[in-house]
Amino acid sequence: MTDTAAAPPSARTRIRRVAENADYQRSTLHAIIDAAYVCHIAFVDDKGTHNIPTACWREGEHLYIHGSNGGRLLKLLGAGTQACVAITHVDGLVLARSAFNHSMNYRSAMVYGCFERVVDDADKRAALDAFMDKLAPGRNAEVRRGNDKEFAATTVMRIALTEAVCKVRTGPPIDDAEDMDIPVWTGVLPLVQAHAAPVVDAPGAGEVPAYVRQWQDATV
């Protein structure tokens, strides 16, 4: 999967339905992951099929997650269970002249493979620092970092972005020729994620940092 890739990296990442919306470019994949705070991880165990939401972030060519050592998800992933990671951003509702041709504008990504545990302490701490900086750049330098007990109770895992695919739709509705004379409004109802005004928890507890002051004006 590269910025010039025109083919899927594997058989199971080939987009067959509306194949023209497939995007195998690395830059698209990175952008979709970087815009997300949550991914959904699907897997199978002896109790059935599951799909669990969890916080995520990216460093280089890996998607990272973290959680309690005792969590079922991390235990299964640590044992080598195959997983499928999904992220979706909905950008608009597409209203056409026929019910059948209504659609959505969206950016989605799927990653297949096995997670690996981040074992080295320095790498694990660096990954958690990167997660904090994703939430609020600079915050990590201001707060108490995790102590040894908290650090030991936390598992960090990552999955390579080697086997991944994106699917993206943009633009107006696509109507059938025979429907073009139907007198109904058509177009796109955009959906955006907005940064609202920060809500302070303890007035006067400390100087308001730049990343909080700038939050409401940031582009999502």
N, C-alpha and C. Protein backbone atom coordinates (compact mmCIF):
# COMPACT_ATOMS: atom_id res chain seq x y z
N MET A 1 0.85 -1.19 0.00
CA MET A 1 0.00 0.00 0.00
C MET A 1 0.88 1.23 0.00
N THR A 2 0.95 1.94 -1.12
CA THR A 2 1.77 3.15 -1.23
C THR A 2 0.91 4.26 -1.81
N ASP A 3 1.51 5.45 -1.90
CA ASP A 3 0.75 6.57 -2.44
C ASP A 3 0.43 6.41 -3.92
N THR A 4 1.07 5.47 -4.58
CA THR A 4 0.78 5.24 -6.00
C THR A 4 0.13 3.87 -6.22
N ALA A 5 -0.24 3.21 -5.13
CA ALA A 5 -0.79 1.86 -5.26
C ALA A 5 -2.13 1.88 -5.98
N ALA A 6 -2.29 0.95 -6.92
CA ALA A 6 -3.55 0.83 -7.65
C ALA A 6 -4.20 -0.52 -7.40
N ALA A 7 -3.58 -1.35 -6.59
CA ALA A 7 -4.09 -2.68 -6.33
C ALA A 7 -4.11 -2.94 -4.83
N PRO A 8 -5.01 -3.79 -4.35
CA PRO A 8 -5.08 -4.10 -2.92
C PRO A 8 -3.87 -4.92 -2.49
N PRO A 9 -3.46 -4.80 -1.22
CA PRO A 9 -2.31 -5.55 -0.75
C PRO A 9 -2.61 -7.03 -0.52
N SER A 10 -3.88 -7.45 -0.50
CA SER A 10 -4.23 -8.84 -0.31
C SER A 10 -5.62 -9.09 -0.88
N ALA A 11 -5.97 -10.38 -0.99
CA ALA A 11 -7.29 -10.73 -1.54
C ALA A 11 -8.42 -10.20 -0.67
N ARG A 12 -8.26 -10.26 0.65
CA ARG A 12 -9.36 -9.84 1.52
C ARG A 12 -9.46 -8.33 1.67
N THR A 13 -8.52 -7.58 1.13
CA THR A 13 -8.65 -6.12 1.14
C THR A 13 -9.12 -5.58 -0.21
N ARG A 14 -9.45 -6.45 -1.13
CA ARG A 14 -9.94 -5.99 -2.43
C ARG A 14 -11.38 -5.51 -2.29
N ILE A 15 -11.64 -4.27 -2.70
CA ILE A 15 -13.00 -3.72 -2.69
C ILE A 15 -13.71 -4.19 -3.96
N ARG A 16 -14.81 -4.89 -3.78
CA ARG A 16 -15.58 -5.40 -4.92
C ARG A 16 -16.87 -4.63 -5.14
N ARG A 17 -17.51 -4.22 -4.06
CA ARG A 17 -18.76 -3.45 -4.18
C ARG A 17 -18.42 -1.98 -4.30
N VAL A 18 -18.84 -1.32 -5.38
CA VAL A 18 -18.52 0.08 -5.69
C VAL A 18 -16.98 0.25 -5.64
N ALA A 19 -16.31 -0.51 -6.47
CA ALA A 19 -14.85 -0.56 -6.46
C ALA A 19 -14.21 0.78 -6.78
N GLU A 20 -14.96 1.66 -7.44
CA GLU A 20 -14.38 2.97 -7.77
C GLU A 20 -14.14 3.83 -6.53
N ASN A 21 -14.74 3.46 -5.41
CA ASN A 21 -14.50 4.20 -4.16
C ASN A 21 -13.33 3.65 -3.36
N ALA A 22 -12.70 2.59 -3.86
CA ALA A 22 -11.54 2.03 -3.16
C ALA A 22 -10.36 2.99 -3.23
N ASP A 23 -9.61 3.04 -2.16
CA ASP A 23 -8.41 3.88 -2.09
C ASP A 23 -7.34 3.08 -1.37
N TYR A 24 -6.27 2.76 -2.05
CA TYR A 24 -5.20 1.96 -1.48
C TYR A 24 -3.96 2.79 -1.16
N GLN A 25 -4.13 4.11 -1.12
CA GLN A 25 -2.98 4.97 -0.87
C GLN A 25 -2.67 5.06 0.63
N ARG A 26 -1.39 5.01 0.92
CA ARG A 26 -0.94 5.08 2.31
C ARG A 26 -1.34 6.40 2.97
N SER A 27 -1.25 7.50 2.24
CA SER A 27 -1.58 8.80 2.81
C SER A 27 -3.04 8.88 3.23
N THR A 28 -3.94 8.25 2.46
CA THR A 28 -5.35 8.22 2.82
C THR A 28 -5.56 7.44 4.11
N LEU A 29 -4.92 6.29 4.20
CA LEU A 29 -5.03 5.46 5.41
C LEU A 29 -4.54 6.22 6.64
N HIS A 30 -3.39 6.85 6.53
CA HIS A 30 -2.84 7.61 7.66
C HIS A 30 -3.80 8.71 8.10
N ALA A 31 -4.36 9.44 7.13
CA ALA A 31 -5.24 10.56 7.45
C ALA A 31 -6.51 10.09 8.15
N ILE A 32 -7.07 8.96 7.72
CA ILE A 32 -8.28 8.44 8.34
C ILE A 32 -8.01 8.02 9.78
N ILE A 33 -6.90 7.32 10.01
CA ILE A 33 -6.55 6.91 11.37
C ILE A 33 -6.26 8.11 12.25
N ASP A 34 -5.51 9.07 11.72
CA ASP A 34 -5.11 10.23 12.53
C ASP A 34 -6.30 11.10 12.92
N ALA A 35 -7.37 11.05 12.14
CA ALA A 35 -8.57 11.84 12.45
C ALA A 35 -9.47 11.13 13.46
N ALA A 36 -9.14 9.90 13.82
CA ALA A 36 -10.01 9.10 14.69
C ALA A 36 -9.48 9.06 16.12
N TYR A 37 -10.41 9.01 17.06
CA TYR A 37 -10.08 8.75 18.46
C TYR A 37 -10.44 7.31 18.85
N VAL A 38 -11.33 6.70 18.08
CA VAL A 38 -11.83 5.37 18.42
C VAL A 38 -11.83 4.50 17.17
N CYS A 39 -11.44 3.25 17.34
CA CYS A 39 -11.58 2.25 16.29
C CYS A 39 -12.44 1.11 16.83
N HIS A 40 -12.92 0.24 15.95
CA HIS A 40 -13.66 -0.96 16.35
C HIS A 40 -12.86 -2.19 15.92
N ILE A 41 -12.66 -3.11 16.86
CA ILE A 41 -11.86 -4.30 16.60
C ILE A 41 -12.76 -5.52 16.64
N ALA A 42 -12.85 -6.23 15.51
CA ALA A 42 -13.66 -7.44 15.41
C ALA A 42 -12.76 -8.67 15.54
N PHE A 43 -13.27 -9.67 16.25
CA PHE A 43 -12.53 -10.91 16.44
C PHE A 43 -13.51 -12.02 16.83
N VAL A 44 -13.03 -13.24 16.81
CA VAL A 44 -13.85 -14.40 17.15
C VAL A 44 -13.18 -15.17 18.28
N ASP A 45 -13.99 -15.59 19.27
CA ASP A 45 -13.48 -16.49 20.30
C ASP A 45 -14.48 -17.63 20.48
N ASP A 46 -14.31 -18.43 21.52
CA ASP A 46 -15.19 -19.58 21.69
C ASP A 46 -16.62 -19.21 22.10
N LYS A 47 -16.85 -17.92 22.37
CA LYS A 47 -18.19 -17.46 22.72
C LYS A 47 -18.90 -16.80 21.54
N GLY A 48 -18.19 -16.65 20.42
CA GLY A 48 -18.82 -16.06 19.25
C GLY A 48 -17.99 -14.96 18.62
N THR A 49 -18.68 -14.09 17.90
CA THR A 49 -18.04 -12.98 17.19
C THR A 49 -18.29 -11.69 17.96
N HIS A 50 -17.26 -10.85 18.07
CA HIS A 50 -17.34 -9.63 18.87
C HIS A 50 -16.77 -8.46 18.07
N ASN A 51 -17.22 -7.26 18.44
CA ASN A 51 -16.71 -6.04 17.80
C ASN A 51 -16.64 -4.98 18.90
N ILE A 52 -15.44 -4.67 19.35
CA ILE A 52 -15.26 -3.85 20.54
C ILE A 52 -14.63 -2.49 20.17
N PRO A 53 -15.24 -1.38 20.60
CA PRO A 53 -14.64 -0.07 20.37
C PRO A 53 -13.54 0.21 21.39
N THR A 54 -12.49 0.84 20.95
CA THR A 54 -11.40 1.20 21.86
C THR A 54 -10.63 2.38 21.29
N ALA A 55 -9.98 3.12 22.17
CA ALA A 55 -9.18 4.27 21.73
C ALA A 55 -8.01 3.79 20.87
N CYS A 56 -7.60 4.63 19.92
CA CYS A 56 -6.51 4.25 19.03
C CYS A 56 -5.69 5.46 18.64
N TRP A 57 -4.49 5.19 18.19
CA TRP A 57 -3.62 6.24 17.64
C TRP A 57 -2.62 5.57 16.72
N ARG A 58 -1.92 6.39 15.93
CA ARG A 58 -0.96 5.87 14.96
C ARG A 58 0.42 6.44 15.22
N GLU A 59 1.41 5.56 15.07
CA GLU A 59 2.80 5.97 14.99
C GLU A 59 3.42 5.25 13.81
N GLY A 60 3.89 6.00 12.84
CA GLY A 60 4.50 5.38 11.67
C GLY A 60 3.54 4.43 10.98
N GLU A 61 3.96 3.20 10.80
CA GLU A 61 3.17 2.22 10.07
C GLU A 61 2.46 1.23 10.98
N HIS A 62 2.07 1.69 12.18
CA HIS A 62 1.33 0.84 13.11
C HIS A 62 0.17 1.63 13.73
N LEU A 63 -0.93 0.94 13.99
CA LEU A 63 -2.04 1.46 14.78
C LEU A 63 -1.90 0.87 16.18
N TYR A 64 -2.03 1.73 17.19
CA TYR A 64 -1.83 1.32 18.59
C TYR A 64 -3.14 1.35 19.36
N ILE A 65 -3.23 0.45 20.35
CA ILE A 65 -4.31 0.47 21.33
C ILE A 65 -3.70 0.19 22.70
N HIS A 66 -4.48 0.41 23.76
CA HIS A 66 -3.98 0.09 25.09
C HIS A 66 -5.17 -0.29 25.98
N GLY A 67 -4.86 -0.90 27.12
CA GLY A 67 -5.91 -1.26 28.06
C GLY A 67 -5.36 -2.03 29.23
N SER A 68 -6.27 -2.49 30.07
CA SER A 68 -5.89 -3.24 31.25
C SER A 68 -5.33 -4.61 30.88
N ASN A 69 -4.34 -5.03 31.63
CA ASN A 69 -3.75 -6.35 31.39
C ASN A 69 -4.79 -7.46 31.42
N GLY A 70 -5.84 -7.30 32.24
CA GLY A 70 -6.82 -8.36 32.40
C GLY A 70 -7.96 -8.33 31.41
N GLY A 71 -7.96 -7.35 30.50
CA GLY A 71 -9.06 -7.24 29.55
C GLY A 71 -9.10 -8.39 28.57
N ARG A 72 -10.32 -8.88 28.27
CA ARG A 72 -10.47 -10.00 27.36
C ARG A 72 -9.90 -9.70 25.98
N LEU A 73 -10.18 -8.51 25.48
CA LEU A 73 -9.71 -8.14 24.14
C LEU A 73 -8.20 -8.25 24.04
N LEU A 74 -7.48 -7.64 24.99
CA LEU A 74 -6.03 -7.64 24.91
C LEU A 74 -5.44 -9.02 25.13
N LYS A 75 -6.08 -9.80 25.99
CA LYS A 75 -5.60 -11.18 26.20
C LYS A 75 -5.69 -11.98 24.90
N LEU A 76 -6.84 -11.89 24.23
CA LEU A 76 -7.02 -12.65 22.99
C LEU A 76 -6.09 -12.16 21.89
N LEU A 77 -5.98 -10.84 21.76
CA LEU A 77 -5.08 -10.31 20.74
C LEU A 77 -3.64 -10.70 21.02
N GLY A 78 -3.27 -10.72 22.30
CA GLY A 78 -1.92 -11.11 22.68
C GLY A 78 -1.62 -12.56 22.38
N ALA A 79 -2.66 -13.37 22.28
CA ALA A 79 -2.48 -14.79 21.98
C ALA A 79 -2.39 -15.06 20.49
N GLY A 80 -2.47 -14.01 19.68
CA GLY A 80 -2.33 -14.17 18.24
C GLY A 80 -3.62 -14.26 17.47
N THR A 81 -4.75 -13.91 18.09
CA THR A 81 -6.04 -13.96 17.41
C THR A 81 -6.07 -13.00 16.22
N GLN A 82 -6.57 -13.48 15.09
CA GLN A 82 -6.74 -12.61 13.93
C GLN A 82 -7.79 -11.54 14.24
N ALA A 83 -7.54 -10.33 13.77
CA ALA A 83 -8.44 -9.22 14.04
C ALA A 83 -8.68 -8.40 12.78
N CYS A 84 -9.79 -7.68 12.80
CA CYS A 84 -10.09 -6.71 11.74
C CYS A 84 -10.44 -5.40 12.43
N VAL A 85 -9.70 -4.36 12.11
CA VAL A 85 -9.89 -3.03 12.72
C VAL A 85 -10.63 -2.14 11.72
N ALA A 86 -11.67 -1.45 12.18
CA ALA A 86 -12.44 -0.58 11.30
C ALA A 86 -12.56 0.82 11.89
N ILE A 87 -12.46 1.82 11.01
CA ILE A 87 -12.65 3.23 11.37
C ILE A 87 -13.52 3.85 10.28
N THR A 88 -14.51 4.64 10.68
CA THR A 88 -15.37 5.32 9.71
C THR A 88 -15.66 6.74 10.14
N HIS A 89 -15.55 7.67 9.21
CA HIS A 89 -15.97 9.06 9.41
C HIS A 89 -17.08 9.36 8.40
N VAL A 90 -18.24 9.79 8.87
CA VAL A 90 -19.34 10.16 7.98
C VAL A 90 -19.29 11.67 7.75
N ASP A 91 -19.20 12.08 6.48
CA ASP A 91 -19.03 13.49 6.13
C ASP A 91 -20.29 14.14 5.58
N GLY A 92 -21.30 13.34 5.24
CA GLY A 92 -22.52 13.95 4.73
C GLY A 92 -23.55 12.92 4.32
N LEU A 93 -24.81 13.34 4.32
CA LEU A 93 -25.92 12.52 3.84
C LEU A 93 -26.24 12.96 2.42
N VAL A 94 -26.25 12.03 1.49
CA VAL A 94 -26.42 12.35 0.07
C VAL A 94 -27.85 12.03 -0.34
N LEU A 95 -28.62 13.06 -0.68
CA LEU A 95 -30.04 12.93 -0.99
C LEU A 95 -30.25 12.97 -2.50
N ALA A 96 -30.74 11.86 -3.04
CA ALA A 96 -30.94 11.73 -4.48
C ALA A 96 -32.42 11.83 -4.85
N ARG A 97 -32.72 11.66 -6.13
CA ARG A 97 -34.10 11.74 -6.60
C ARG A 97 -34.88 10.46 -6.36
N SER A 98 -34.18 9.36 -6.15
CA SER A 98 -34.84 8.09 -5.82
C SER A 98 -34.32 7.60 -4.48
N ALA A 99 -35.16 6.86 -3.77
CA ALA A 99 -34.74 6.32 -2.48
C ALA A 99 -33.52 5.40 -2.65
N PHE A 100 -33.49 4.65 -3.74
CA PHE A 100 -32.42 3.68 -3.96
C PHE A 100 -31.06 4.36 -4.08
N ASN A 101 -31.00 5.55 -4.65
CA ASN A 101 -29.73 6.22 -4.92
C ASN A 101 -29.27 7.15 -3.81
N HIS A 102 -29.99 7.20 -2.70
CA HIS A 102 -29.48 7.95 -1.55
C HIS A 102 -28.19 7.28 -1.06
N SER A 103 -27.30 8.08 -0.50
CA SER A 103 -26.01 7.53 -0.08
C SER A 103 -25.45 8.38 1.06
N MET A 104 -24.20 8.15 1.36
CA MET A 104 -23.46 8.95 2.34
C MET A 104 -22.08 9.26 1.78
N ASN A 105 -21.55 10.40 2.13
CA ASN A 105 -20.14 10.68 1.89
C ASN A 105 -19.39 10.26 3.15
N TYR A 106 -18.29 9.56 2.96
CA TYR A 106 -17.61 8.96 4.11
C TYR A 106 -16.15 8.70 3.78
N ARG A 107 -15.38 8.45 4.84
CA ARG A 107 -14.00 7.97 4.75
C ARG A 107 -13.89 6.78 5.69
N SER A 108 -13.50 5.64 5.18
CA SER A 108 -13.42 4.46 6.04
C SER A 108 -12.13 3.70 5.77
N ALA A 109 -11.71 2.96 6.78
CA ALA A 109 -10.49 2.16 6.66
C ALA A 109 -10.67 0.85 7.40
N MET A 110 -10.07 -0.21 6.86
CA MET A 110 -10.04 -1.50 7.53
C MET A 110 -8.61 -2.02 7.51
N VAL A 111 -8.20 -2.58 8.65
CA VAL A 111 -6.86 -3.15 8.79
C VAL A 111 -7.01 -4.60 9.25
N TYR A 112 -6.35 -5.51 8.58
CA TYR A 112 -6.39 -6.93 8.93
C TYR A 112 -5.04 -7.38 9.48
N GLY A 113 -5.07 -8.39 10.34
CA GLY A 113 -3.83 -8.98 10.81
C GLY A 113 -3.87 -9.34 12.27
N CYS A 114 -2.69 -9.51 12.85
CA CYS A 114 -2.54 -9.84 14.26
C CYS A 114 -1.84 -8.70 14.99
N PHE A 115 -2.33 -8.40 16.18
CA PHE A 115 -1.68 -7.42 17.03
C PHE A 115 -0.45 -8.04 17.69
N GLU A 116 0.49 -7.20 18.04
CA GLU A 116 1.64 -7.63 18.82
C GLU A 116 1.77 -6.74 20.05
N ARG A 117 2.21 -7.33 21.12
CA ARG A 117 2.39 -6.59 22.37
C ARG A 117 3.67 -5.76 22.30
N VAL A 118 3.60 -4.51 22.76
CA VAL A 118 4.79 -3.68 22.88
C VAL A 118 5.46 -4.05 24.20
N VAL A 119 6.58 -4.73 24.12
CA VAL A 119 7.20 -5.33 25.30
C VAL A 119 8.23 -4.41 25.94
N ASP A 120 9.08 -3.80 25.14
CA ASP A 120 10.15 -2.96 25.68
C ASP A 120 9.56 -1.78 26.46
N ASP A 121 10.04 -1.57 27.68
CA ASP A 121 9.49 -0.52 28.54
C ASP A 121 9.61 0.86 27.91
N ALA A 122 10.76 1.15 27.32
CA ALA A 122 10.96 2.46 26.71
C ALA A 122 10.01 2.67 25.55
N ASP A 123 9.82 1.65 24.72
CA ASP A 123 8.89 1.76 23.60
C ASP A 123 7.46 1.90 24.09
N LYS A 124 7.13 1.19 25.15
CA LYS A 124 5.78 1.26 25.71
C LYS A 124 5.50 2.65 26.27
N ARG A 125 6.44 3.20 27.00
CA ARG A 125 6.25 4.56 27.55
C ARG A 125 6.17 5.59 26.42
N ALA A 126 6.99 5.42 25.39
CA ALA A 126 6.95 6.36 24.27
C ALA A 126 5.60 6.30 23.55
N ALA A 127 5.05 5.08 23.44
CA ALA A 127 3.75 4.93 22.78
C ALA A 127 2.65 5.61 23.59
N LEU A 128 2.68 5.44 24.91
CA LEU A 128 1.67 6.08 25.76
C LEU A 128 1.82 7.59 25.75
N ASP A 129 3.07 8.07 25.69
CA ASP A 129 3.29 9.52 25.57
C ASP A 129 2.70 10.04 24.26
N ALA A 130 2.87 9.27 23.19
CA ALA A 130 2.34 9.68 21.89
C ALA A 130 0.81 9.73 21.93
N PHE A 131 0.19 8.80 22.66
CA PHE A 131 -1.27 8.80 22.79
C PHE A 131 -1.74 10.06 23.52
N MET A 132 -1.04 10.42 24.59
CA MET A 132 -1.41 11.63 25.32
C MET A 132 -1.26 12.87 24.44
N ASP A 133 -0.20 12.89 23.64
CA ASP A 133 0.00 14.04 22.76
C ASP A 133 -1.04 14.09 21.65
N LYS A 134 -1.58 12.93 21.25
CA LYS A 134 -2.67 12.95 20.27
C LYS A 134 -3.91 13.60 20.87
N LEU A 135 -4.18 13.28 22.14
CA LEU A 135 -5.36 13.85 22.80
C LEU A 135 -5.20 15.35 22.99
N ALA A 136 -4.03 15.79 23.42
CA ALA A 136 -3.79 17.21 23.69
C ALA A 136 -2.29 17.46 23.61
N PRO A 137 -1.79 17.97 22.49
CA PRO A 137 -0.34 18.19 22.34
C PRO A 137 0.21 19.07 23.45
N GLY A 138 1.23 18.58 24.14
CA GLY A 138 1.83 19.32 25.24
C GLY A 138 1.31 18.93 26.60
N ARG A 139 0.20 18.23 26.64
CA ARG A 139 -0.42 17.86 27.92
C ARG A 139 0.48 16.92 28.73
N ASN A 140 1.19 16.07 28.05
CA ASN A 140 2.00 15.07 28.72
C ASN A 140 3.06 15.68 29.62
N ALA A 141 3.53 16.86 29.25
CA ALA A 141 4.58 17.52 30.03
C ALA A 141 4.02 18.22 31.26
N GLU A 142 2.70 18.34 31.38
CA GLU A 142 2.08 19.10 32.46
C GLU A 142 1.49 18.22 33.56
N VAL A 143 1.10 17.01 33.23
CA VAL A 143 0.39 16.17 34.19
C VAL A 143 1.33 15.14 34.82
N ARG A 144 0.84 14.47 35.84
CA ARG A 144 1.61 13.37 36.42
C ARG A 144 1.60 12.21 35.46
N ARG A 145 2.76 11.74 35.11
CA ARG A 145 2.85 10.58 34.24
C ARG A 145 2.49 9.32 35.04
N GLY A 146 2.16 8.27 34.33
CA GLY A 146 1.80 7.03 35.00
C GLY A 146 2.92 6.52 35.90
N ASN A 147 2.55 6.11 37.12
CA ASN A 147 3.57 5.56 38.03
C ASN A 147 3.86 4.11 37.65
N ASP A 148 4.78 3.50 38.37
CA ASP A 148 5.21 2.14 38.03
C ASP A 148 4.05 1.14 38.11
N LYS A 149 3.18 1.32 39.12
CA LYS A 149 2.05 0.40 39.28
C LYS A 149 1.08 0.54 38.10
N GLU A 150 0.76 1.77 37.73
CA GLU A 150 -0.16 2.01 36.61
C GLU A 150 0.44 1.51 35.30
N PHE A 151 1.72 1.77 35.14
CA PHE A 151 2.42 1.34 33.92
C PHE A 151 2.41 -0.18 33.81
N ALA A 152 2.67 -0.85 34.91
CA ALA A 152 2.71 -2.32 34.90
C ALA A 152 1.34 -2.93 34.64
N ALA A 153 0.27 -2.22 34.99
CA ALA A 153 -1.09 -2.73 34.83
C ALA A 153 -1.65 -2.48 33.43
N THR A 154 -0.87 -1.82 32.58
CA THR A 154 -1.34 -1.42 31.26
C THR A 154 -0.64 -2.20 30.16
N THR A 155 -1.41 -2.69 29.23
CA THR A 155 -0.87 -3.36 28.05
C THR A 155 -1.00 -2.43 26.85
N VAL A 156 0.05 -2.32 26.07
CA VAL A 156 0.04 -1.56 24.82
C VAL A 156 0.27 -2.54 23.67
N MET A 157 -0.58 -2.47 22.66
CA MET A 157 -0.46 -3.36 21.52
C MET A 157 -0.51 -2.55 20.23
N ARG A 158 -0.01 -3.15 19.18
CA ARG A 158 -0.02 -2.48 17.88
C ARG A 158 -0.23 -3.49 16.77
N ILE A 159 -0.78 -3.00 15.65
CA ILE A 159 -0.98 -3.82 14.47
C ILE A 159 -0.37 -3.10 13.29
N ALA A 160 0.38 -3.82 12.47
CA ALA A 160 1.00 -3.22 11.29
C ALA A 160 -0.07 -2.83 10.27
N LEU A 161 0.20 -1.76 9.53
CA LEU A 161 -0.73 -1.27 8.53
C LEU A 161 -0.47 -1.89 7.16
N THR A 162 0.17 -3.04 7.15
CA THR A 162 0.56 -3.69 5.91
C THR A 162 -0.64 -4.13 5.09
N GLU A 163 -1.62 -4.74 5.76
CA GLU A 163 -2.79 -5.26 5.06
C GLU A 163 -4.00 -4.40 5.40
N ALA A 164 -4.20 -3.39 4.59
CA ALA A 164 -5.24 -2.40 4.90
C ALA A 164 -5.85 -1.88 3.61
N VAL A 165 -7.05 -1.32 3.75
CA VAL A 165 -7.75 -0.77 2.59
C VAL A 165 -8.62 0.38 3.07
N CYS A 166 -8.79 1.37 2.21
CA CYS A 166 -9.69 2.50 2.49
C CYS A 166 -10.78 2.54 1.43
N LYS A 167 -11.92 3.08 1.84
CA LYS A 167 -13.02 3.31 0.91
C LYS A 167 -13.57 4.70 1.20
N VAL A 168 -13.69 5.51 0.16
CA VAL A 168 -14.04 6.93 0.33
C VAL A 168 -15.08 7.31 -0.71
N ARG A 169 -16.12 8.03 -0.26
CA ARG A 169 -17.07 8.61 -1.19
C ARG A 169 -17.17 10.09 -0.95
N THR A 170 -17.15 10.88 -2.02
CA THR A 170 -17.36 12.32 -1.95
C THR A 170 -18.29 12.73 -3.09
N GLY A 171 -18.83 13.93 -2.98
CA GLY A 171 -19.58 14.48 -4.10
C GLY A 171 -21.08 14.37 -3.99
N PRO A 172 -21.78 14.80 -5.04
CA PRO A 172 -23.25 14.87 -5.04
C PRO A 172 -23.88 13.52 -5.31
N PRO A 173 -25.23 13.46 -5.28
CA PRO A 173 -25.91 12.21 -5.62
C PRO A 173 -25.70 11.84 -7.08
N ILE A 174 -25.81 10.55 -7.35
CA ILE A 174 -25.73 10.04 -8.73
C ILE A 174 -27.10 9.50 -9.08
N ASP A 175 -27.81 10.25 -9.90
CA ASP A 175 -29.19 9.89 -10.24
C ASP A 175 -29.26 9.14 -11.56
N ASP A 176 -30.28 8.30 -11.68
CA ASP A 176 -30.55 7.64 -12.96
C ASP A 176 -31.16 8.64 -13.93
N ALA A 177 -30.87 8.47 -15.22
CA ALA A 177 -31.34 9.41 -16.24
C ALA A 177 -32.86 9.57 -16.22
N GLU A 178 -33.56 8.46 -15.99
CA GLU A 178 -35.03 8.52 -16.02
C GLU A 178 -35.63 9.25 -14.82
N ASP A 179 -34.79 9.54 -13.80
CA ASP A 179 -35.29 10.23 -12.61
C ASP A 179 -35.02 11.73 -12.62
N MET A 180 -34.30 12.23 -13.61
CA MET A 180 -33.83 13.61 -13.57
C MET A 180 -34.96 14.65 -13.58
N ASP A 181 -36.13 14.29 -14.01
CA ASP A 181 -37.23 15.25 -14.06
C ASP A 181 -38.09 15.24 -12.79
N ILE A 182 -37.75 14.42 -11.81
CA ILE A 182 -38.52 14.39 -10.56
C ILE A 182 -38.26 15.69 -9.80
N PRO A 183 -39.31 16.46 -9.46
CA PRO A 183 -39.13 17.78 -8.84
C PRO A 183 -38.93 17.69 -7.33
N VAL A 184 -37.75 17.24 -6.92
CA VAL A 184 -37.46 17.10 -5.50
C VAL A 184 -36.07 17.66 -5.24
N TRP A 185 -35.87 18.19 -4.02
CA TRP A 185 -34.55 18.73 -3.67
C TRP A 185 -33.54 17.61 -3.60
N THR A 186 -32.38 17.85 -4.19
CA THR A 186 -31.28 16.89 -4.11
C THR A 186 -30.01 17.62 -3.69
N GLY A 187 -29.08 16.89 -3.12
CA GLY A 187 -27.83 17.50 -2.69
C GLY A 187 -27.23 16.74 -1.52
N VAL A 188 -26.37 17.43 -0.79
CA VAL A 188 -25.65 16.83 0.33
C VAL A 188 -25.94 17.61 1.61
N LEU A 189 -26.27 16.90 2.68
CA LEU A 189 -26.38 17.49 4.00
C LEU A 189 -25.08 17.20 4.74
N PRO A 190 -24.16 18.18 4.82
CA PRO A 190 -22.84 17.91 5.39
C PRO A 190 -22.93 17.61 6.89
N LEU A 191 -22.06 16.73 7.33
CA LEU A 191 -21.89 16.42 8.74
C LEU A 191 -20.44 16.71 9.11
N VAL A 192 -20.24 17.48 10.17
CA VAL A 192 -18.89 17.81 10.60
C VAL A 192 -18.77 17.57 12.09
N GLN A 193 -17.57 17.22 12.52
CA GLN A 193 -17.27 17.11 13.94
C GLN A 193 -16.78 18.47 14.41
N ALA A 194 -17.44 19.05 15.41
CA ALA A 194 -17.11 20.40 15.86
C ALA A 194 -16.41 20.39 17.20
N HIS A 195 -15.47 21.30 17.38
CA HIS A 195 -14.84 21.53 18.68
C HIS A 195 -15.65 22.58 19.43
N ALA A 196 -16.32 22.19 20.48
CA ALA A 196 -17.10 23.12 21.28
C ALA A 196 -16.21 23.81 22.32
N ALA A 197 -16.79 24.76 23.04
CA ALA A 197 -16.03 25.50 24.04
C ALA A 197 -15.58 24.57 25.17
N PRO A 198 -14.33 24.66 25.60
CA PRO A 198 -13.86 23.83 26.72
C PRO A 198 -14.66 24.10 27.99
N VAL A 199 -14.86 23.08 28.79
CA VAL A 199 -15.61 23.18 30.04
C VAL A 199 -14.62 22.96 31.18
N VAL A 200 -14.36 23.99 31.97
CA VAL A 200 -13.36 23.89 33.03
C VAL A 200 -13.93 23.10 34.21
N ASP A 201 -13.09 22.29 34.81
CA ASP A 201 -13.50 21.47 35.94
C ASP A 201 -13.24 22.18 37.27
N ALA A 202 -12.11 22.87 37.38
CA ALA A 202 -11.73 23.52 38.63
C ALA A 202 -11.23 24.93 38.34
N PRO A 203 -12.13 25.91 38.33
CA PRO A 203 -11.73 27.29 38.03
C PRO A 203 -10.58 27.76 38.93
N GLY A 204 -9.62 28.36 38.29
CA GLY A 204 -8.49 28.90 39.06
C GLY A 204 -7.44 27.87 39.43
N ALA A 205 -7.60 26.61 38.95
CA ALA A 205 -6.67 25.57 39.33
C ALA A 205 -5.33 25.69 38.61
N GLY A 206 -5.28 26.43 37.54
CA GLY A 206 -4.03 26.59 36.81
C GLY A 206 -4.25 27.44 35.58
N GLU A 207 -3.15 27.89 35.00
CA GLU A 207 -3.22 28.70 33.79
C GLU A 207 -3.80 27.86 32.65
N VAL A 208 -4.63 28.48 31.85
CA VAL A 208 -5.23 27.79 30.72
C VAL A 208 -4.17 27.62 29.63
N PRO A 209 -3.81 26.38 29.28
CA PRO A 209 -2.76 26.17 28.28
C PRO A 209 -3.21 26.52 26.87
N ALA A 210 -2.26 26.69 25.99
CA ALA A 210 -2.55 27.11 24.62
C ALA A 210 -3.45 26.11 23.90
N TYR A 211 -3.24 24.80 24.14
CA TYR A 211 -4.03 23.81 23.41
C TYR A 211 -5.50 23.85 23.83
N VAL A 212 -5.79 24.32 25.05
CA VAL A 212 -7.18 24.49 25.48
C VAL A 212 -7.75 25.77 24.88
N ARG A 213 -6.96 26.86 24.92
CA ARG A 213 -7.43 28.13 24.35
C ARG A 213 -7.73 27.99 22.86
N GLN A 214 -6.95 27.17 22.18
CA GLN A 214 -7.08 27.02 20.73
C GLN A 214 -8.06 25.93 20.32
N TRP A 215 -8.56 25.18 21.27
CA TRP A 215 -9.39 24.03 20.95
C TRP A 215 -10.61 24.36 20.11
N GLN A 216 -11.35 25.40 20.53
CA GLN A 216 -12.60 25.71 19.85
C GLN A 216 -12.36 26.20 18.43
N ASP A 217 -11.20 26.77 18.16
CA ASP A 217 -10.92 27.31 16.83
C ASP A 217 -10.25 26.28 15.92
N ALA A 218 -9.94 25.11 16.46
CA ALA A 218 -9.22 24.11 15.67
C ALA A 218 -10.12 23.52 14.59
N THR A 219 -9.52 23.17 13.48
CA THR A 219 -10.23 22.50 12.40
C THR A 219 -10.21 21.00 12.62
N VAL A 220 -11.38 20.40 12.54
CA VAL A 220 -11.46 18.94 12.76
C VAL A 220 -11.32 18.22 11.43
